[in-house]
């Protein structure tokens, strides 16, 4: 996306702002969605279509590894995707849930993880929300530099490769990692 320059006319300062150029519609008239929201200040990282009339389905489970199978089964039934895409959904949910349990307060005794699924026009969106990083503060999940000598660190790389779109949102001490799969 090539930025365009706009002059700030709200003040007398001679300042130019770089404003991202909106995506051009495809021949079908639909504007393609961005693949990844990269600006951590972006507060509209999660897209939901209100006019679809579809309410999301939310499941909150204890932050223990044994709940992975429960999430996989329930989300597969709710997503209504073809088998190949259901397998991808299950793998990505497993990665994000495991990350939440392993790296956040959700994995401590009494911790919980909320997983929400939205069936949207042409795509399915899944959000995994944890209780925030252990030790407090704000940490933004990100794809790590690849290191074949280190164990782990490939989960978000897998999400980035297999999801059509994904992103993170930190708000109110909680972290949400979301992804979307276009319906095949």
N, C-alpha and C. Protein backbone atom coordinates (compact mmCIF):
# COMPACT_ATOMS: atom_id res chain seq x y z
N UNK A 1 0.85 -1.17 0.00
CA UNK A 1 0.00 0.00 0.00
C UNK A 1 0.90 1.24 0.00
N UNK A 2 0.85 2.02 -1.06
CA UNK A 2 1.68 3.20 -1.19
C UNK A 2 1.05 4.36 -0.42
N UNK A 3 1.84 5.02 0.48
CA UNK A 3 1.25 6.13 1.23
C UNK A 3 1.06 7.35 0.34
N UNK A 4 0.14 8.18 0.69
CA UNK A 4 -0.02 9.45 0.01
C UNK A 4 0.30 10.53 1.03
N UNK A 5 0.69 11.68 0.55
CA UNK A 5 1.03 12.78 1.45
C UNK A 5 -0.13 13.78 1.48
N UNK A 6 -0.49 14.20 2.67
CA UNK A 6 -1.54 15.21 2.81
C UNK A 6 -1.00 16.35 3.65
N UNK A 7 -1.35 17.56 3.27
CA UNK A 7 -0.92 18.71 4.02
C UNK A 7 -1.85 18.92 5.21
N UNK A 8 -1.27 19.15 6.38
CA UNK A 8 -2.04 19.41 7.59
C UNK A 8 -2.55 20.84 7.52
N UNK A 9 -3.83 21.02 7.26
CA UNK A 9 -4.40 22.36 7.13
C UNK A 9 -5.03 22.83 8.44
N UNK A 10 -4.94 22.01 9.47
CA UNK A 10 -5.55 22.37 10.76
C UNK A 10 -4.69 23.37 11.53
N UNK A 11 -3.46 23.57 11.09
CA UNK A 11 -2.60 24.53 11.79
C UNK A 11 -1.79 25.31 10.75
N UNK A 12 -1.07 26.29 11.22
CA UNK A 12 -0.24 27.09 10.32
C UNK A 12 1.10 26.42 10.06
N UNK A 13 1.39 25.34 10.76
CA UNK A 13 2.65 24.65 10.57
C UNK A 13 2.72 24.04 9.18
N UNK A 14 3.90 24.06 8.61
CA UNK A 14 4.09 23.47 7.29
C UNK A 14 4.55 22.01 7.50
N UNK A 15 3.59 21.15 7.90
CA UNK A 15 3.87 19.76 8.22
C UNK A 15 3.09 18.88 7.27
N UNK A 16 3.76 17.87 6.79
CA UNK A 16 3.06 16.89 5.97
C UNK A 16 2.91 15.61 6.78
N UNK A 17 1.76 14.96 6.64
CA UNK A 17 1.51 13.69 7.29
C UNK A 17 1.46 12.61 6.24
N UNK A 18 2.04 11.47 6.55
CA UNK A 18 1.94 10.34 5.64
C UNK A 18 0.70 9.56 6.02
N UNK A 19 -0.23 9.43 5.08
CA UNK A 19 -1.50 8.76 5.31
C UNK A 19 -1.56 7.55 4.40
N UNK A 20 -1.82 6.35 4.95
CA UNK A 20 -1.90 5.18 4.07
C UNK A 20 -2.99 5.35 3.04
N UNK A 21 -2.69 4.95 1.82
CA UNK A 21 -3.66 5.01 0.73
C UNK A 21 -4.66 3.88 0.93
N UNK A 22 -5.95 4.16 0.85
CA UNK A 22 -6.93 3.09 1.01
C UNK A 22 -6.80 2.10 -0.14
N UNK A 23 -7.06 0.82 0.12
CA UNK A 23 -6.95 -0.18 -0.94
C UNK A 23 -7.98 0.07 -2.04
N UNK A 24 -7.58 -0.24 -3.26
CA UNK A 24 -8.48 -0.08 -4.41
C UNK A 24 -9.41 -1.28 -4.48
N UNK A 25 -10.64 -1.05 -4.87
CA UNK A 25 -11.56 -2.18 -5.00
C UNK A 25 -11.09 -3.15 -6.07
N UNK A 26 -11.41 -4.42 -5.91
CA UNK A 26 -11.14 -5.44 -6.91
C UNK A 26 -12.16 -5.30 -8.02
N UNK A 27 -11.97 -6.00 -9.15
CA UNK A 27 -12.97 -5.91 -10.22
C UNK A 27 -14.39 -6.22 -9.76
N UNK A 28 -14.53 -7.04 -8.71
CA UNK A 28 -15.87 -7.37 -8.22
C UNK A 28 -16.47 -6.24 -7.39
N UNK A 29 -15.66 -5.18 -7.13
CA UNK A 29 -16.15 -4.05 -6.35
C UNK A 29 -15.87 -4.17 -4.86
N UNK A 30 -15.29 -5.31 -4.42
CA UNK A 30 -14.98 -5.50 -3.00
C UNK A 30 -13.59 -4.97 -2.70
N UNK A 31 -13.43 -4.32 -1.58
CA UNK A 31 -12.12 -3.83 -1.15
C UNK A 31 -11.43 -4.98 -0.40
N UNK A 32 -10.22 -5.36 -0.85
CA UNK A 32 -9.54 -6.47 -0.16
C UNK A 32 -9.15 -6.06 1.26
N UNK A 33 -9.21 -7.00 2.18
CA UNK A 33 -8.85 -6.74 3.56
C UNK A 33 -7.34 -6.82 3.72
N UNK A 34 -6.80 -6.03 4.63
CA UNK A 34 -5.36 -6.10 4.90
C UNK A 34 -5.03 -7.45 5.49
N UNK A 35 -3.82 -7.92 5.21
CA UNK A 35 -3.38 -9.22 5.69
C UNK A 35 -2.99 -9.16 7.16
N UNK A 36 -2.41 -8.08 7.63
CA UNK A 36 -1.93 -7.99 9.00
C UNK A 36 -1.98 -6.55 9.45
N UNK A 37 -2.50 -6.31 10.64
CA UNK A 37 -2.46 -4.99 11.24
C UNK A 37 -1.14 -4.88 11.98
N UNK A 38 -0.30 -3.94 11.58
CA UNK A 38 1.04 -3.87 12.15
C UNK A 38 1.24 -2.71 13.12
N UNK A 39 0.36 -1.74 13.10
CA UNK A 39 0.52 -0.59 13.97
C UNK A 39 -0.09 -0.90 15.33
N UNK A 40 0.75 -0.99 16.41
CA UNK A 40 0.20 -1.34 17.72
C UNK A 40 -0.78 -0.31 18.27
N UNK A 41 -0.80 0.91 17.69
CA UNK A 41 -1.74 1.94 18.14
C UNK A 41 -3.08 1.81 17.44
N UNK A 42 -3.16 0.93 16.45
CA UNK A 42 -4.39 0.75 15.68
C UNK A 42 -5.44 0.11 16.58
N UNK A 43 -6.53 0.79 16.83
CA UNK A 43 -7.56 0.28 17.73
C UNK A 43 -8.68 -0.42 16.98
N UNK A 44 -8.59 -0.56 15.68
CA UNK A 44 -9.63 -1.26 14.92
C UNK A 44 -9.04 -2.53 14.30
N UNK A 45 -8.29 -3.24 15.10
CA UNK A 45 -7.61 -4.43 14.59
C UNK A 45 -8.57 -5.58 14.32
N UNK A 46 -9.71 -5.59 14.97
CA UNK A 46 -10.66 -6.69 14.81
C UNK A 46 -11.87 -6.17 14.05
N UNK A 47 -12.15 -6.80 12.92
CA UNK A 47 -13.26 -6.36 12.08
C UNK A 47 -14.47 -7.25 12.32
N UNK A 48 -15.61 -6.64 12.55
CA UNK A 48 -16.85 -7.38 12.69
C UNK A 48 -17.90 -6.65 11.87
N UNK A 49 -18.69 -7.38 11.13
CA UNK A 49 -19.74 -6.79 10.31
C UNK A 49 -21.05 -6.85 11.09
N UNK A 50 -21.49 -5.71 11.57
CA UNK A 50 -22.70 -5.64 12.37
C UNK A 50 -23.92 -6.03 11.55
N UNK A 51 -23.94 -5.64 10.27
CA UNK A 51 -25.12 -5.90 9.46
C UNK A 51 -25.28 -7.37 9.10
N UNK A 52 -24.29 -8.21 9.37
CA UNK A 52 -24.42 -9.63 9.03
C UNK A 52 -25.50 -10.31 9.87
N UNK A 53 -25.80 -9.74 11.04
CA UNK A 53 -26.82 -10.33 11.89
C UNK A 53 -26.34 -11.57 12.63
N UNK A 54 -25.12 -11.96 12.41
CA UNK A 54 -24.56 -13.16 13.03
C UNK A 54 -23.88 -12.78 14.34
N UNK A 55 -24.33 -13.35 15.41
CA UNK A 55 -23.68 -13.15 16.69
C UNK A 55 -22.52 -14.13 16.80
N UNK A 56 -21.49 -13.73 17.51
CA UNK A 56 -20.35 -14.62 17.70
C UNK A 56 -20.67 -15.67 18.75
N UNK A 57 -19.86 -16.69 18.77
CA UNK A 57 -19.97 -17.75 19.77
C UNK A 57 -18.72 -17.66 20.62
N UNK A 58 -18.89 -17.56 21.93
CA UNK A 58 -17.75 -17.43 22.83
C UNK A 58 -17.71 -18.60 23.80
N UNK A 59 -16.50 -19.10 24.01
CA UNK A 59 -16.28 -20.22 24.92
C UNK A 59 -15.17 -19.79 25.88
N UNK A 60 -15.41 -19.87 27.17
CA UNK A 60 -14.39 -19.57 28.16
C UNK A 60 -14.07 -20.86 28.89
N UNK A 61 -12.78 -21.21 28.88
CA UNK A 61 -12.36 -22.48 29.48
C UNK A 61 -11.21 -22.23 30.44
N UNK A 62 -11.01 -23.15 31.39
CA UNK A 62 -9.83 -23.05 32.26
C UNK A 62 -8.55 -23.10 31.43
N UNK A 63 -7.54 -22.39 31.87
CA UNK A 63 -6.27 -22.33 31.16
C UNK A 63 -5.40 -23.54 31.43
N UNK A 64 -5.87 -24.70 31.06
CA UNK A 64 -5.11 -25.94 31.22
C UNK A 64 -5.09 -26.66 29.87
N UNK A 65 -3.97 -27.33 29.58
CA UNK A 65 -3.76 -27.96 28.28
C UNK A 65 -4.87 -28.94 27.91
N UNK A 66 -5.48 -29.59 28.88
CA UNK A 66 -6.53 -30.58 28.60
C UNK A 66 -7.75 -29.98 27.91
N UNK A 67 -7.89 -28.67 27.95
CA UNK A 67 -9.05 -28.01 27.32
C UNK A 67 -8.88 -27.83 25.81
N UNK A 68 -7.69 -28.11 25.29
CA UNK A 68 -7.44 -27.93 23.86
C UNK A 68 -8.42 -28.73 23.01
N UNK A 69 -8.63 -29.99 23.35
CA UNK A 69 -9.54 -30.85 22.59
C UNK A 69 -10.97 -30.33 22.62
N UNK A 70 -11.39 -29.82 23.77
CA UNK A 70 -12.75 -29.26 23.90
C UNK A 70 -12.91 -28.09 22.93
N UNK A 71 -11.93 -27.19 22.90
CA UNK A 71 -12.00 -26.04 22.00
C UNK A 71 -12.01 -26.47 20.54
N UNK A 72 -11.15 -27.40 20.20
CA UNK A 72 -11.06 -27.86 18.81
C UNK A 72 -12.41 -28.41 18.34
N UNK A 73 -13.02 -29.27 19.16
CA UNK A 73 -14.31 -29.87 18.77
C UNK A 73 -15.41 -28.83 18.66
N UNK A 74 -15.52 -27.97 19.66
CA UNK A 74 -16.62 -27.00 19.65
C UNK A 74 -16.47 -25.98 18.52
N UNK A 75 -15.26 -25.47 18.29
CA UNK A 75 -15.08 -24.48 17.24
C UNK A 75 -15.25 -25.10 15.86
N UNK A 76 -14.83 -26.34 15.69
CA UNK A 76 -15.02 -27.02 14.40
C UNK A 76 -16.49 -27.13 14.06
N UNK A 77 -17.30 -27.46 15.05
CA UNK A 77 -18.74 -27.59 14.82
C UNK A 77 -19.38 -26.24 14.52
N UNK A 78 -18.89 -25.18 15.12
CA UNK A 78 -19.47 -23.85 14.94
C UNK A 78 -19.03 -23.16 13.65
N UNK A 79 -17.83 -23.47 13.17
CA UNK A 79 -17.25 -22.73 12.05
C UNK A 79 -17.93 -23.04 10.71
N UNK A 80 -18.43 -24.25 10.55
CA UNK A 80 -19.07 -24.66 9.30
C UNK A 80 -18.16 -24.46 8.09
N UNK A 81 -16.92 -24.94 8.21
CA UNK A 81 -15.93 -24.83 7.14
C UNK A 81 -15.72 -26.19 6.47
N UNK A 82 -15.20 -26.19 5.24
CA UNK A 82 -14.81 -27.47 4.62
C UNK A 82 -13.72 -28.15 5.46
N UNK A 83 -13.57 -29.45 5.29
CA UNK A 83 -12.67 -30.24 6.14
C UNK A 83 -11.24 -29.70 6.17
N UNK A 84 -10.69 -29.36 5.02
CA UNK A 84 -9.30 -28.87 4.98
C UNK A 84 -9.15 -27.59 5.79
N UNK A 85 -10.12 -26.69 5.69
CA UNK A 85 -10.05 -25.44 6.45
C UNK A 85 -10.32 -25.69 7.94
N UNK A 86 -11.15 -26.67 8.24
CA UNK A 86 -11.38 -27.02 9.64
C UNK A 86 -10.09 -27.49 10.29
N UNK A 87 -9.30 -28.27 9.54
CA UNK A 87 -8.01 -28.72 10.07
C UNK A 87 -7.09 -27.54 10.36
N UNK A 88 -7.07 -26.55 9.47
CA UNK A 88 -6.25 -25.36 9.68
C UNK A 88 -6.75 -24.60 10.91
N UNK A 89 -8.07 -24.41 11.01
CA UNK A 89 -8.66 -23.72 12.16
C UNK A 89 -8.25 -24.42 13.46
N UNK A 90 -8.38 -25.73 13.49
CA UNK A 90 -8.02 -26.48 14.70
C UNK A 90 -6.55 -26.29 15.07
N UNK A 91 -5.67 -26.34 14.07
CA UNK A 91 -4.25 -26.16 14.34
C UNK A 91 -3.92 -24.78 14.87
N UNK A 92 -4.54 -23.75 14.29
CA UNK A 92 -4.25 -22.38 14.73
C UNK A 92 -4.82 -22.10 16.11
N UNK A 93 -6.02 -22.61 16.38
CA UNK A 93 -6.61 -22.45 17.72
C UNK A 93 -5.73 -23.15 18.75
N UNK A 94 -5.25 -24.34 18.42
CA UNK A 94 -4.37 -25.07 19.33
C UNK A 94 -3.12 -24.25 19.65
N UNK A 95 -2.50 -23.68 18.63
CA UNK A 95 -1.29 -22.86 18.84
C UNK A 95 -1.57 -21.67 19.74
N UNK A 96 -2.64 -20.93 19.44
CA UNK A 96 -2.91 -19.72 20.22
C UNK A 96 -3.34 -20.04 21.64
N UNK A 97 -4.14 -21.09 21.82
CA UNK A 97 -4.54 -21.49 23.17
C UNK A 97 -3.32 -21.94 23.96
N UNK A 98 -2.46 -22.74 23.35
CA UNK A 98 -1.25 -23.21 24.03
C UNK A 98 -0.36 -22.03 24.41
N UNK A 99 -0.22 -21.05 23.52
CA UNK A 99 0.57 -19.85 23.85
C UNK A 99 -0.03 -19.11 25.04
N UNK A 100 -1.35 -18.98 25.07
CA UNK A 100 -2.01 -18.28 26.18
C UNK A 100 -1.75 -19.00 27.50
N UNK A 101 -1.84 -20.33 27.48
CA UNK A 101 -1.62 -21.10 28.71
C UNK A 101 -0.16 -21.04 29.13
N UNK A 102 0.75 -21.12 28.17
CA UNK A 102 2.18 -21.18 28.48
C UNK A 102 2.77 -19.84 28.89
N UNK A 103 2.29 -18.73 28.31
CA UNK A 103 2.98 -17.46 28.47
C UNK A 103 2.21 -16.39 29.25
N UNK A 104 0.98 -16.66 29.68
CA UNK A 104 0.20 -15.61 30.32
C UNK A 104 -0.37 -16.06 31.66
N UNK A 105 -1.01 -15.14 32.34
CA UNK A 105 -1.65 -15.46 33.62
C UNK A 105 -2.79 -16.46 33.45
N UNK A 106 -3.27 -16.63 32.24
CA UNK A 106 -4.33 -17.61 31.99
C UNK A 106 -3.87 -19.03 32.32
N UNK A 107 -2.58 -19.28 32.27
CA UNK A 107 -2.05 -20.61 32.57
C UNK A 107 -1.76 -20.84 34.04
N UNK A 108 -1.96 -19.83 34.87
CA UNK A 108 -1.76 -19.98 36.32
C UNK A 108 -3.02 -20.59 36.94
N UNK A 109 -2.91 -21.13 38.16
CA UNK A 109 -4.11 -21.70 38.80
C UNK A 109 -5.26 -20.70 38.81
N UNK A 110 -6.42 -21.16 38.37
CA UNK A 110 -7.61 -20.31 38.30
C UNK A 110 -7.70 -19.48 37.03
N UNK A 111 -6.69 -19.57 36.17
CA UNK A 111 -6.67 -18.78 34.93
C UNK A 111 -7.69 -19.30 33.91
N UNK A 112 -8.10 -18.41 33.02
CA UNK A 112 -9.11 -18.76 32.01
C UNK A 112 -8.70 -18.15 30.67
N UNK A 113 -9.19 -18.75 29.61
CA UNK A 113 -8.97 -18.25 28.25
C UNK A 113 -10.34 -18.18 27.57
N UNK A 114 -10.61 -17.05 26.92
CA UNK A 114 -11.87 -16.90 26.17
C UNK A 114 -11.55 -17.02 24.68
N UNK A 115 -12.33 -17.84 24.00
CA UNK A 115 -12.17 -18.02 22.56
C UNK A 115 -13.51 -17.69 21.91
N UNK A 116 -13.47 -16.79 20.93
CA UNK A 116 -14.69 -16.34 20.25
C UNK A 116 -14.57 -16.63 18.77
N UNK A 117 -15.65 -17.10 18.18
CA UNK A 117 -15.71 -17.37 16.75
C UNK A 117 -16.84 -16.56 16.14
N UNK A 118 -16.54 -15.88 15.05
CA UNK A 118 -17.55 -15.13 14.29
C UNK A 118 -17.57 -15.68 12.87
N UNK A 119 -18.75 -16.06 12.40
CA UNK A 119 -18.92 -16.41 10.98
C UNK A 119 -19.33 -15.14 10.27
N UNK A 120 -18.44 -14.61 9.48
CA UNK A 120 -18.68 -13.36 8.76
C UNK A 120 -18.84 -13.66 7.28
N UNK A 121 -19.26 -12.66 6.54
CA UNK A 121 -19.46 -12.83 5.11
C UNK A 121 -18.13 -13.21 4.45
N UNK A 122 -18.04 -14.43 3.95
CA UNK A 122 -16.86 -14.88 3.23
C UNK A 122 -15.69 -15.31 4.07
N UNK A 123 -15.82 -15.27 5.39
CA UNK A 123 -14.68 -15.63 6.24
C UNK A 123 -15.14 -16.00 7.64
N UNK A 124 -14.24 -16.61 8.38
CA UNK A 124 -14.45 -16.95 9.79
C UNK A 124 -13.36 -16.25 10.58
N UNK A 125 -13.74 -15.62 11.69
CA UNK A 125 -12.77 -14.94 12.55
C UNK A 125 -12.76 -15.62 13.91
N UNK A 126 -11.56 -15.89 14.43
CA UNK A 126 -11.40 -16.50 15.74
C UNK A 126 -10.52 -15.57 16.58
N UNK A 127 -10.94 -15.35 17.82
CA UNK A 127 -10.17 -14.52 18.76
C UNK A 127 -9.85 -15.35 19.99
N UNK A 128 -8.61 -15.31 20.42
CA UNK A 128 -8.20 -15.98 21.65
C UNK A 128 -7.73 -14.89 22.61
N UNK A 129 -8.44 -14.75 23.73
CA UNK A 129 -8.15 -13.67 24.68
C UNK A 129 -7.67 -14.27 25.99
N UNK A 130 -6.48 -13.84 26.42
CA UNK A 130 -5.91 -14.33 27.68
C UNK A 130 -6.02 -13.26 28.75
N UNK A 131 -5.51 -13.56 29.93
CA UNK A 131 -5.62 -12.64 31.06
C UNK A 131 -4.40 -11.74 31.21
N UNK A 132 -3.59 -11.64 30.18
CA UNK A 132 -2.45 -10.73 30.19
C UNK A 132 -1.17 -11.43 30.60
N UNK A 133 -0.03 -10.78 30.34
CA UNK A 133 1.27 -11.40 30.58
C UNK A 133 1.53 -11.67 32.06
N UNK A 134 2.27 -12.73 32.29
CA UNK A 134 2.72 -13.01 33.67
C UNK A 134 3.69 -11.91 34.05
N UNK A 135 3.59 -11.45 35.27
CA UNK A 135 4.46 -10.38 35.73
C UNK A 135 3.95 -9.00 35.38
N UNK A 136 2.76 -8.90 34.80
CA UNK A 136 2.17 -7.60 34.49
C UNK A 136 2.79 -6.96 33.25
N UNK A 137 2.52 -5.69 33.08
CA UNK A 137 3.01 -4.98 31.91
C UNK A 137 2.22 -5.33 30.67
N UNK A 138 2.73 -4.87 29.55
CA UNK A 138 2.09 -5.14 28.26
C UNK A 138 3.14 -5.78 27.36
N UNK A 139 2.80 -6.91 26.82
CA UNK A 139 3.65 -7.57 25.84
C UNK A 139 2.79 -7.86 24.62
N UNK A 140 3.31 -7.53 23.48
CA UNK A 140 2.58 -7.78 22.24
C UNK A 140 3.13 -9.04 21.59
N UNK A 141 2.31 -10.06 21.44
CA UNK A 141 2.77 -11.26 20.76
C UNK A 141 3.23 -10.90 19.34
N UNK A 142 4.33 -11.49 18.91
CA UNK A 142 4.87 -11.21 17.58
C UNK A 142 5.62 -12.43 17.06
N UNK A 143 5.82 -12.46 15.76
CA UNK A 143 6.58 -13.54 15.15
C UNK A 143 8.05 -13.33 15.50
N UNK A 144 8.65 -14.35 16.08
CA UNK A 144 10.06 -14.28 16.45
C UNK A 144 10.95 -14.53 15.24
N UNK A 145 12.17 -14.00 15.34
CA UNK A 145 13.16 -14.31 14.32
C UNK A 145 13.41 -15.82 14.37
N UNK A 146 13.53 -16.42 13.21
CA UNK A 146 13.66 -17.88 13.15
C UNK A 146 15.03 -18.31 13.69
N UNK A 147 15.01 -19.26 14.63
CA UNK A 147 16.23 -19.82 15.22
C UNK A 147 16.01 -21.32 15.34
N UNK A 148 16.61 -22.07 14.45
CA UNK A 148 16.39 -23.52 14.42
C UNK A 148 16.99 -24.24 15.62
N UNK A 149 17.88 -23.57 16.36
CA UNK A 149 18.49 -24.19 17.54
C UNK A 149 17.62 -24.01 18.79
N UNK A 150 16.64 -23.13 18.72
CA UNK A 150 15.79 -22.86 19.87
C UNK A 150 14.52 -23.70 19.77
N UNK A 151 14.10 -24.24 20.89
CA UNK A 151 12.84 -24.99 20.92
C UNK A 151 11.69 -24.01 21.01
N UNK A 152 10.66 -24.24 20.22
CA UNK A 152 9.48 -23.38 20.26
C UNK A 152 9.68 -22.12 19.45
N UNK A 153 8.69 -21.23 19.55
CA UNK A 153 8.76 -19.97 18.86
C UNK A 153 8.23 -19.99 17.44
N UNK A 154 7.57 -21.08 17.06
CA UNK A 154 7.08 -21.19 15.69
C UNK A 154 5.57 -21.00 15.58
N UNK A 155 4.87 -20.88 16.72
CA UNK A 155 3.42 -20.81 16.71
C UNK A 155 2.85 -19.64 15.93
N UNK A 156 3.33 -18.44 16.20
CA UNK A 156 2.81 -17.28 15.48
C UNK A 156 3.29 -17.25 14.04
N UNK A 157 4.44 -17.85 13.77
CA UNK A 157 4.90 -17.98 12.39
C UNK A 157 3.91 -18.84 11.61
N UNK A 158 3.44 -19.91 12.25
CA UNK A 158 2.45 -20.78 11.64
C UNK A 158 1.15 -20.01 11.40
N UNK A 159 0.73 -19.22 12.37
CA UNK A 159 -0.48 -18.40 12.21
C UNK A 159 -0.30 -17.43 11.04
N UNK A 160 0.84 -16.77 10.97
CA UNK A 160 1.10 -15.81 9.90
C UNK A 160 1.09 -16.48 8.53
N UNK A 161 1.55 -17.72 8.45
CA UNK A 161 1.60 -18.42 7.17
C UNK A 161 0.25 -18.98 6.76
N UNK A 162 -0.55 -19.46 7.71
CA UNK A 162 -1.77 -20.17 7.36
C UNK A 162 -3.04 -19.33 7.41
N UNK A 163 -3.06 -18.29 8.22
CA UNK A 163 -4.26 -17.44 8.31
C UNK A 163 -4.28 -16.46 7.14
N UNK A 164 -5.46 -16.09 6.71
CA UNK A 164 -5.56 -15.07 5.67
C UNK A 164 -5.29 -13.69 6.23
N UNK A 165 -5.64 -13.46 7.48
CA UNK A 165 -5.35 -12.24 8.20
C UNK A 165 -5.19 -12.59 9.66
N UNK A 166 -4.40 -11.80 10.38
CA UNK A 166 -4.27 -12.02 11.81
C UNK A 166 -3.74 -10.74 12.45
N UNK A 167 -3.87 -10.65 13.76
CA UNK A 167 -3.37 -9.49 14.47
C UNK A 167 -3.48 -9.68 15.96
N UNK A 168 -3.09 -8.64 16.68
CA UNK A 168 -3.13 -8.67 18.14
C UNK A 168 -3.76 -7.38 18.64
N UNK A 169 -4.30 -7.46 19.83
CA UNK A 169 -4.89 -6.30 20.47
C UNK A 169 -4.69 -6.46 21.97
N UNK A 170 -4.10 -5.46 22.60
CA UNK A 170 -3.93 -5.46 24.06
C UNK A 170 -4.82 -4.37 24.62
N UNK A 171 -5.69 -4.77 25.54
CA UNK A 171 -6.64 -3.81 26.09
C UNK A 171 -7.09 -4.28 27.46
N UNK A 172 -7.11 -3.38 28.42
CA UNK A 172 -7.60 -3.70 29.75
C UNK A 172 -6.80 -4.79 30.44
N UNK A 173 -5.49 -4.86 30.15
CA UNK A 173 -4.65 -5.88 30.78
C UNK A 173 -4.73 -7.24 30.11
N UNK A 174 -5.61 -7.39 29.12
CA UNK A 174 -5.76 -8.66 28.41
C UNK A 174 -5.14 -8.55 27.03
N UNK A 175 -4.80 -9.69 26.46
CA UNK A 175 -4.26 -9.73 25.11
C UNK A 175 -5.15 -10.62 24.26
N UNK A 176 -5.51 -10.14 23.09
CA UNK A 176 -6.28 -10.92 22.13
C UNK A 176 -5.41 -11.13 20.89
N UNK A 177 -5.29 -12.37 20.47
CA UNK A 177 -4.68 -12.69 19.18
C UNK A 177 -5.82 -13.24 18.33
N UNK A 178 -5.99 -12.69 17.14
CA UNK A 178 -7.09 -13.10 16.29
C UNK A 178 -6.57 -13.52 14.93
N UNK A 179 -7.35 -14.33 14.26
CA UNK A 179 -7.03 -14.68 12.88
C UNK A 179 -8.32 -14.88 12.11
N UNK A 180 -8.20 -14.78 10.80
CA UNK A 180 -9.34 -15.01 9.91
C UNK A 180 -8.95 -16.02 8.84
N UNK A 181 -9.90 -16.86 8.50
CA UNK A 181 -9.77 -17.78 7.38
C UNK A 181 -10.88 -17.46 6.39
N UNK A 182 -10.50 -17.21 5.15
CA UNK A 182 -11.52 -17.00 4.12
C UNK A 182 -12.17 -18.32 3.81
N UNK A 183 -13.47 -18.28 3.58
CA UNK A 183 -14.17 -19.52 3.21
C UNK A 183 -13.73 -19.93 1.82
N UNK A 184 -13.37 -21.22 1.70
CA UNK A 184 -12.83 -21.73 0.42
C UNK A 184 -13.87 -22.02 -0.60
